[in-house]
Amino acid sequence: MSLEELRVITIVYVSALVPLIIYCYKKDKIPIWVPSIYLGAFLACALGWELWFTYGWIEGDPVNLRRSEILNQWIPIHTNWLLNSMADAGTISLGGLWLMWRCSGKNYQVFQQWNWAAFSILLVWCIAQNLLVELFLYYDQLSEGKLLSWAPLAPTGQFFNPLLFEFNGRSVMLQTQLPWLIMAPVLYKTVIIMARKS
């Protein structure tokens, strides 16, 4: 196992499991709508793109063909979508909401009504983490020539997937950025609805 593979495995498992551990220890201090948001984000990410990208259902390559055998052993194809969706729901979605709240001076009102400044923080977080994943974590799985499936939250699929930019010989494509461009506003609006009800 290379250090690169160890890094990928560690980040995937830590980002999937740590938010659940934090929730178990801090649940009395966390708003009651948070578990519903976690579950909703998990389902949205799983059904929106993670299952599709994992199995390559529509004109894509399954993940086990896009990465090393060591990664396939430690993150099997049938748990790949699960771990990624858990990380998306916890570290990315809930982590982004927490960051938004912290950067807004711990103002709970950002969960009660749309706030463009707060949303900007959430959107930057979602896109920035996705760029880091594409450029430094999964770059070998997402490189040119390795096809991702069409997915409901990546609706252009391979049909329209221009190169957005390159960095150190690694490419960033439109298809991989679309899910979080769509997910961020949906997540924020859903949080506002849930927070108002509680």
C-alpha atoms as a PDB file:
ATOM      1  CA  MET A   1       0.000   0.000   0.000  1.00  0.00           C
ATOM      2  CA  SER A   2       1.362   3.399  -0.968  1.00  0.00           C
ATOM      3  CA  LEU A   3       1.162   6.490   1.235  1.00  0.00           C
ATOM      4  CA  GLU A   4      -1.219   7.977  -1.322  1.00  0.00           C
ATOM      5  CA  GLU A   5      -3.582   5.011  -0.981  1.00  0.00           C
ATOM      6  CA  LEU A   6      -3.332   5.114   2.817  1.00  0.00           C
ATOM      7  CA  ARG A   7      -4.189   8.825   2.720  1.00  0.00           C
ATOM      8  CA  VAL A   8      -7.278   8.208   0.574  1.00  0.00           C
ATOM      9  CA  ILE A   9      -8.490   5.334   2.768  1.00  0.00           C
ATOM     10  CA  THR A  10      -7.976   7.328   5.974  1.00  0.00           C
ATOM     11  CA  ILE A  11      -9.735  10.435   4.684  1.00  0.00           C
ATOM     12  CA  VAL A  12     -12.703   8.452   3.372  1.00  0.00           C
ATOM     13  CA  TYR A  13     -13.286   6.582   6.637  1.00  0.00           C
ATOM     14  CA  VAL A  14     -12.587   9.543   8.937  1.00  0.00           C
ATOM     15  CA  SER A  15     -14.824  11.926   6.999  1.00  0.00           C
ATOM     16  CA  ALA A  16     -17.627   9.343   6.977  1.00  0.00           C
ATOM     17  CA  LEU A  17     -17.446   8.326  10.654  1.00  0.00           C
ATOM     18  CA  VAL A  18     -16.238  11.332  12.673  1.00  0.00           C
ATOM     19  CA  PRO A  19     -19.444  13.400  12.188  1.00  0.00           C
ATOM     20  CA  LEU A  20     -21.488  10.525  13.639  1.00  0.00           C
ATOM     21  CA  ILE A  21     -19.133  10.246  16.607  1.00  0.00           C
ATOM     22  CA  ILE A  22     -19.344  14.009  17.216  1.00  0.00           C
ATOM     23  CA  TYR A  23     -23.125  13.849  17.039  1.00  0.00           C
ATOM     24  CA  CYS A  24     -23.260  11.034  19.623  1.00  0.00           C
ATOM     25  CA  TYR A  25     -21.169  13.070  22.063  1.00  0.00           C
ATOM     26  CA  LYS A  26     -22.827  16.440  21.449  1.00  0.00           C
ATOM     27  CA  LYS A  27     -26.415  15.574  20.570  1.00  0.00           C
ATOM     28  CA  ASP A  28     -27.847  17.453  23.560  1.00  0.00           C
ATOM     29  CA  LYS A  29     -26.279  20.674  22.189  1.00  0.00           C
ATOM     30  CA  ILE A  30     -27.261  20.161  18.557  1.00  0.00           C
ATOM     31  CA  PRO A  31     -30.583  21.409  17.091  1.00  0.00           C
ATOM     32  CA  ILE A  32     -33.230  18.713  16.804  1.00  0.00           C
ATOM     33  CA  TRP A  33     -33.476  19.137  13.023  1.00  0.00           C
ATOM     34  CA  VAL A  34     -29.851  18.056  12.458  1.00  0.00           C
ATOM     35  CA  PRO A  35     -30.503  14.258  12.235  1.00  0.00           C
ATOM     36  CA  SER A  36     -33.240  14.874   9.649  1.00  0.00           C
ATOM     37  CA  ILE A  37     -30.895  17.069   7.619  1.00  0.00           C
ATOM     38  CA  TYR A  38     -28.160  14.422   7.863  1.00  0.00           C
ATOM     39  CA  LEU A  39     -30.528  11.696   6.654  1.00  0.00           C
ATOM     40  CA  GLY A  40     -31.946  13.899   3.892  1.00  0.00           C
ATOM     41  CA  ALA A  41     -28.470  14.934   2.720  1.00  0.00           C
ATOM     42  CA  PHE A  42     -27.334  11.307   2.822  1.00  0.00           C
ATOM     43  CA  LEU A  43     -30.241  10.230   0.610  1.00  0.00           C
ATOM     44  CA  ALA A  44     -29.844  13.205  -1.740  1.00  0.00           C
ATOM     45  CA  CYS A  45     -26.130  12.500  -2.218  1.00  0.00           C
ATOM     46  CA  ALA A  46     -26.566   8.737  -2.547  1.00  0.00           C
ATOM     47  CA  LEU A  47     -29.457   8.942  -4.998  1.00  0.00           C
ATOM     48  CA  GLY A  48     -28.258  12.163  -6.620  1.00  0.00           C
ATOM     49  CA  TRP A  49     -24.798  11.014  -7.679  1.00  0.00           C
ATOM     50  CA  GLU A  50     -22.849   8.647  -5.395  1.00  0.00           C
ATOM     51  CA  LEU A  51     -24.625   5.436  -6.460  1.00  0.00           C
ATOM     52  CA  TRP A  52     -24.440   6.445 -10.119  1.00  0.00           C
ATOM     53  CA  PHE A  53     -20.750   7.380  -9.968  1.00  0.00           C
ATOM     54  CA  THR A  54     -19.923   4.207  -8.017  1.00  0.00           C
ATOM     55  CA  TYR A  55     -21.631   1.759 -10.362  1.00  0.00           C
ATOM     56  CA  GLY A  56     -21.320   3.682 -13.647  1.00  0.00           C
ATOM     57  CA  TRP A  57     -24.960   2.980 -14.463  1.00  0.00           C
ATOM     58  CA  ILE A  58     -25.345   5.271 -17.516  1.00  0.00           C
ATOM     59  CA  GLU A  59     -22.350   5.487 -19.836  1.00  0.00           C
ATOM     60  CA  GLY A  60     -19.832   5.477 -16.995  1.00  0.00           C
ATOM     61  CA  ASP A  61     -17.097   3.247 -15.642  1.00  0.00           C
ATOM     62  CA  PRO A  62     -17.680   1.624 -12.234  1.00  0.00           C
ATOM     63  CA  VAL A  63     -15.349   2.844  -9.503  1.00  0.00           C
ATOM     64  CA  ASN A  64     -13.520  -0.487  -9.240  1.00  0.00           C
ATOM     65  CA  LEU A  65     -12.248   0.031 -12.810  1.00  0.00           C
ATOM     66  CA  ARG A  66     -11.149   3.618 -12.138  1.00  0.00           C
ATOM     67  CA  ARG A  67      -8.874   3.013  -9.139  1.00  0.00           C
ATOM     68  CA  SER A  68      -6.186   0.728  -7.715  1.00  0.00           C
ATOM     69  CA  GLU A  69      -6.787  -2.778  -6.400  1.00  0.00           C
ATOM     70  CA  ILE A  70      -5.667  -1.724  -2.899  1.00  0.00           C
ATOM     71  CA  LEU A  71      -8.401   0.942  -2.794  1.00  0.00           C
ATOM     72  CA  ASN A  72     -10.901  -1.630  -4.044  1.00  0.00           C
ATOM     73  CA  GLN A  73      -9.927  -3.944  -1.170  1.00  0.00           C
ATOM     74  CA  TRP A  74     -10.149  -1.282   1.542  1.00  0.00           C
ATOM     75  CA  ILE A  75     -13.152   0.591   0.108  1.00  0.00           C
ATOM     76  CA  PRO A  76     -15.153  -2.114  -1.683  1.00  0.00           C
ATOM     77  CA  ILE A  77     -17.434  -1.024  -4.492  1.00  0.00           C
ATOM     78  CA  HIS A  78     -20.602  -1.856  -2.528  1.00  0.00           C
ATOM     79  CA  THR A  79     -19.535   0.358   0.407  1.00  0.00           C
ATOM     80  CA  ASN A  80     -17.937   3.109  -1.693  1.00  0.00           C
ATOM     81  CA  TRP A  81     -21.230   4.947  -2.279  1.00  0.00           C
ATOM     82  CA  LEU A  82     -22.230   4.466   1.367  1.00  0.00           C
ATOM     83  CA  LEU A  83     -19.001   5.925   2.800  1.00  0.00           C
ATOM     84  CA  ASN A  84     -18.967   8.792   0.307  1.00  0.00           C
ATOM     85  CA  SER A  85     -22.617   9.609   1.022  1.00  0.00           C
ATOM     86  CA  MET A  86     -21.948   9.538   4.779  1.00  0.00           C
ATOM     87  CA  ALA A  87     -19.033  11.935   4.280  1.00  0.00           C
ATOM     88  CA  ASP A  88     -21.155  14.140   2.024  1.00  0.00           C
ATOM     89  CA  ALA A  89     -23.953  14.289   4.595  1.00  0.00           C
ATOM     90  CA  GLY A  90     -21.751  14.709   7.672  1.00  0.00           C
ATOM     91  CA  THR A  91     -18.429  16.350   6.959  1.00  0.00           C
ATOM     92  CA  ILE A  92     -19.551  18.335   3.923  1.00  0.00           C
ATOM     93  CA  SER A  93     -23.234  19.168   4.535  1.00  0.00           C
ATOM     94  CA  LEU A  94     -23.331  19.436   8.326  1.00  0.00           C
ATOM     95  CA  GLY A  95     -19.750  20.677   8.452  1.00  0.00           C
ATOM     96  CA  GLY A  96     -20.638  23.394   5.945  1.00  0.00           C
ATOM     97  CA  LEU A  97     -23.694  24.419   7.954  1.00  0.00           C
ATOM     98  CA  TRP A  98     -21.597  24.571  11.125  1.00  0.00           C
ATOM     99  CA  LEU A  99     -18.964  26.676   9.341  1.00  0.00           C
ATOM    100  CA  MET A 100     -21.673  28.965   7.983  1.00  0.00           C
ATOM    101  CA  TRP A 101     -23.090  29.424  11.500  1.00  0.00           C
ATOM    102  CA  ARG A 102     -19.630  30.045  13.021  1.00  0.00           C
ATOM    103  CA  CYS A 103     -18.659  32.571  10.335  1.00  0.00           C
ATOM    104  CA  SER A 104     -21.988  34.352  10.881  1.00  0.00           C
ATOM    105  CA  GLY A 105     -21.127  35.007  14.539  1.00  0.00           C
ATOM    106  CA  LYS A 106     -23.094  31.966  15.772  1.00  0.00           C
ATOM    107  CA  ASN A 107     -26.247  33.722  14.627  1.00  0.00           C
ATOM    108  CA  TYR A 108     -29.064  31.178  14.634  1.00  0.00           C
ATOM    109  CA  GLN A 109     -31.080  33.465  12.351  1.00  0.00           C
ATOM    110  CA  VAL A 110     -29.070  32.174   9.370  1.00  0.00           C
ATOM    111  CA  PHE A 111     -31.102  28.985   9.801  1.00  0.00           C
ATOM    112  CA  GLN A 112     -34.411  30.850   9.947  1.00  0.00           C
ATOM    113  CA  GLN A 113     -34.281  32.900   6.750  1.00  0.00           C
ATOM    114  CA  TRP A 114     -32.184  33.034   3.607  1.00  0.00           C
ATOM    115  CA  ASN A 115     -28.997  34.988   4.152  1.00  0.00           C
ATOM    116  CA  TRP A 116     -26.822  35.506   1.072  1.00  0.00           C
ATOM    117  CA  ALA A 117     -23.635  36.037   3.056  1.00  0.00           C
ATOM    118  CA  ALA A 118     -24.208  32.818   5.001  1.00  0.00           C
ATOM    119  CA  PHE A 119     -25.154  30.932   1.847  1.00  0.00           C
ATOM    120  CA  SER A 120     -21.977  32.170   0.169  1.00  0.00           C
ATOM    121  CA  ILE A 121     -19.930  30.567   2.943  1.00  0.00           C
ATOM    122  CA  LEU A 122     -21.785  27.281   2.507  1.00  0.00           C
ATOM    123  CA  LEU A 123     -21.412  27.370  -1.274  1.00  0.00           C
ATOM    124  CA  VAL A 124     -17.690  28.183  -1.127  1.00  0.00           C
ATOM    125  CA  TRP A 125     -17.212  25.319   1.359  1.00  0.00           C
ATOM    126  CA  CYS A 126     -19.085  22.845  -0.845  1.00  0.00           C
ATOM    127  CA  ILE A 127     -17.260  23.818  -4.035  1.00  0.00           C
ATOM    128  CA  ALA A 128     -13.833  24.147  -2.363  1.00  0.00           C
ATOM    129  CA  GLN A 129     -14.009  20.690  -0.782  1.00  0.00           C
ATOM    130  CA  ASN A 130     -15.165  19.232  -4.082  1.00  0.00           C
ATOM    131  CA  LEU A 131     -12.232  20.828  -5.896  1.00  0.00           C
ATOM    132  CA  LEU A 132      -9.854  19.439  -3.271  1.00  0.00           C
ATOM    133  CA  VAL A 133     -11.384  15.982  -3.687  1.00  0.00           C
ATOM    134  CA  GLU A 134     -11.090  16.169  -7.463  1.00  0.00           C
ATOM    135  CA  LEU A 135      -7.565  17.593  -7.532  1.00  0.00           C
ATOM    136  CA  PHE A 136      -5.913  15.823  -4.588  1.00  0.00           C
ATOM    137  CA  LEU A 137      -7.954  12.878  -3.305  1.00  0.00           C
ATOM    138  CA  TYR A 138      -9.710  11.144  -6.197  1.00  0.00           C
ATOM    139  CA  TYR A 139      -7.778  12.716  -9.067  1.00  0.00           C
ATOM    140  CA  ASP A 140      -6.748   9.323 -10.458  1.00  0.00           C
ATOM    141  CA  GLN A 141     -10.371   8.104 -10.399  1.00  0.00           C
ATOM    142  CA  LEU A 142     -11.699  11.251 -12.082  1.00  0.00           C
ATOM    143  CA  SER A 143      -8.979  11.897 -14.640  1.00  0.00           C
ATOM    144  CA  GLU A 144      -9.679  12.269 -18.334  1.00  0.00           C
ATOM    145  CA  GLY A 145     -10.497   8.969 -19.974  1.00  0.00           C
ATOM    146  CA  LYS A 146     -12.210   7.608 -16.837  1.00  0.00           C
ATOM    147  CA  LEU A 147     -15.904   8.120 -17.447  1.00  0.00           C
ATOM    148  CA  LEU A 148     -18.416   8.983 -14.756  1.00  0.00           C
ATOM    149  CA  SER A 149     -22.032   7.988 -15.169  1.00  0.00           C
ATOM    150  CA  TRP A 150     -24.824  10.433 -15.799  1.00  0.00           C
ATOM    151  CA  ALA A 151     -26.575  11.136 -12.486  1.00  0.00           C
ATOM    152  CA  PRO A 152     -29.678  13.116 -11.474  1.00  0.00           C
ATOM    153  CA  LEU A 153     -27.555  15.842  -9.829  1.00  0.00           C
ATOM    154  CA  ALA A 154     -24.947  15.707 -12.608  1.00  0.00           C
ATOM    155  CA  PRO A 155     -27.510  15.997 -15.406  1.00  0.00           C
ATOM    156  CA  THR A 156     -25.148  16.882 -18.236  1.00  0.00           C
ATOM    157  CA  GLY A 157     -23.266  13.596 -17.870  1.00  0.00           C
ATOM    158  CA  GLN A 158     -20.671  12.912 -20.533  1.00  0.00           C
ATOM    159  CA  PHE A 159     -22.919  14.604 -23.103  1.00  0.00           C
ATOM    160  CA  PHE A 160     -21.729  18.066 -22.064  1.00  0.00           C
ATOM    161  CA  ASN A 161     -18.712  17.893 -19.800  1.00  0.00           C
ATOM    162  CA  PRO A 162     -16.208  20.613 -20.658  1.00  0.00           C
ATOM    163  CA  LEU A 163     -12.872  20.998 -18.962  1.00  0.00           C
ATOM    164  CA  LEU A 164     -13.166  23.903 -16.504  1.00  0.00           C
ATOM    165  CA  PHE A 165      -9.462  24.180 -15.733  1.00  0.00           C
ATOM    166  CA  GLU A 166      -6.269  22.223 -15.099  1.00  0.00           C
ATOM    167  CA  PHE A 167      -3.937  22.355 -12.122  1.00  0.00           C
ATOM    168  CA  ASN A 168      -0.590  20.515 -12.039  1.00  0.00           C
ATOM    169  CA  GLY A 169      -1.720  18.296 -14.900  1.00  0.00           C
ATOM    170  CA  ARG A 170      -4.966  17.394 -13.137  1.00  0.00           C
ATOM    171  CA  SER A 171      -8.287  18.323 -14.684  1.00  0.00           C
ATOM    172  CA  VAL A 172     -11.497  19.737 -13.221  1.00  0.00           C
ATOM    173  CA  MET A 173     -14.567  18.923 -15.279  1.00  0.00           C
ATOM    174  CA  LEU A 174     -18.079  20.395 -15.182  1.00  0.00           C
ATOM    175  CA  GLN A 175     -19.786  17.074 -14.422  1.00  0.00           C
ATOM    176  CA  THR A 176     -18.019  16.627 -11.099  1.00  0.00           C
ATOM    177  CA  GLN A 177     -18.816  20.174  -9.925  1.00  0.00           C
ATOM    178  CA  LEU A 178     -22.529  20.151 -10.716  1.00  0.00           C
ATOM    179  CA  PRO A 179     -23.733  18.028  -7.777  1.00  0.00           C
ATOM    180  CA  TRP A 180     -22.547  20.520  -5.156  1.00  0.00           C
ATOM    181  CA  LEU A 181     -23.624  23.546  -7.202  1.00  0.00           C
ATOM    182  CA  ILE A 182     -27.130  22.059  -7.127  1.00  0.00           C
ATOM    183  CA  MET A 183     -26.965  20.549  -3.636  1.00  0.00           C
ATOM    184  CA  ALA A 184     -25.801  23.663  -1.719  1.00  0.00           C
ATOM    185  CA  PRO A 185     -28.920  25.823  -2.297  1.00  0.00           C
ATOM    186  CA  VAL A 186     -31.242  22.836  -1.874  1.00  0.00           C
ATOM    187  CA  LEU A 187     -29.529  21.977   1.423  1.00  0.00           C
ATOM    188  CA  TYR A 188     -29.756  25.541   2.717  1.00  0.00           C
ATOM    189  CA  LYS A 189     -33.424  25.947   1.782  1.00  0.00           C
ATOM    190  CA  THR A 190     -34.257  22.599   3.397  1.00  0.00           C
ATOM    191  CA  VAL A 191     -32.464  23.634   6.597  1.00  0.00           C
ATOM    192  CA  ILE A 192     -34.491  26.849   6.749  1.00  0.00           C
ATOM    193  CA  ILE A 193     -37.744  24.897   6.359  1.00  0.00           C
ATOM    194  CA  MET A 194     -36.738  22.350   9.025  1.00  0.00           C
ATOM    195  CA  ALA A 195     -35.402  24.962  11.472  1.00  0.00           C
ATOM    196  CA  ARG A 196     -38.605  27.015  11.229  1.00  0.00           C
ATOM    197  CA  LYS A 197     -40.675  23.930  12.059  1.00  0.00           C
ATOM    198  CA  SER A 198     -38.681  23.063  15.174  1.00  0.00           C
END
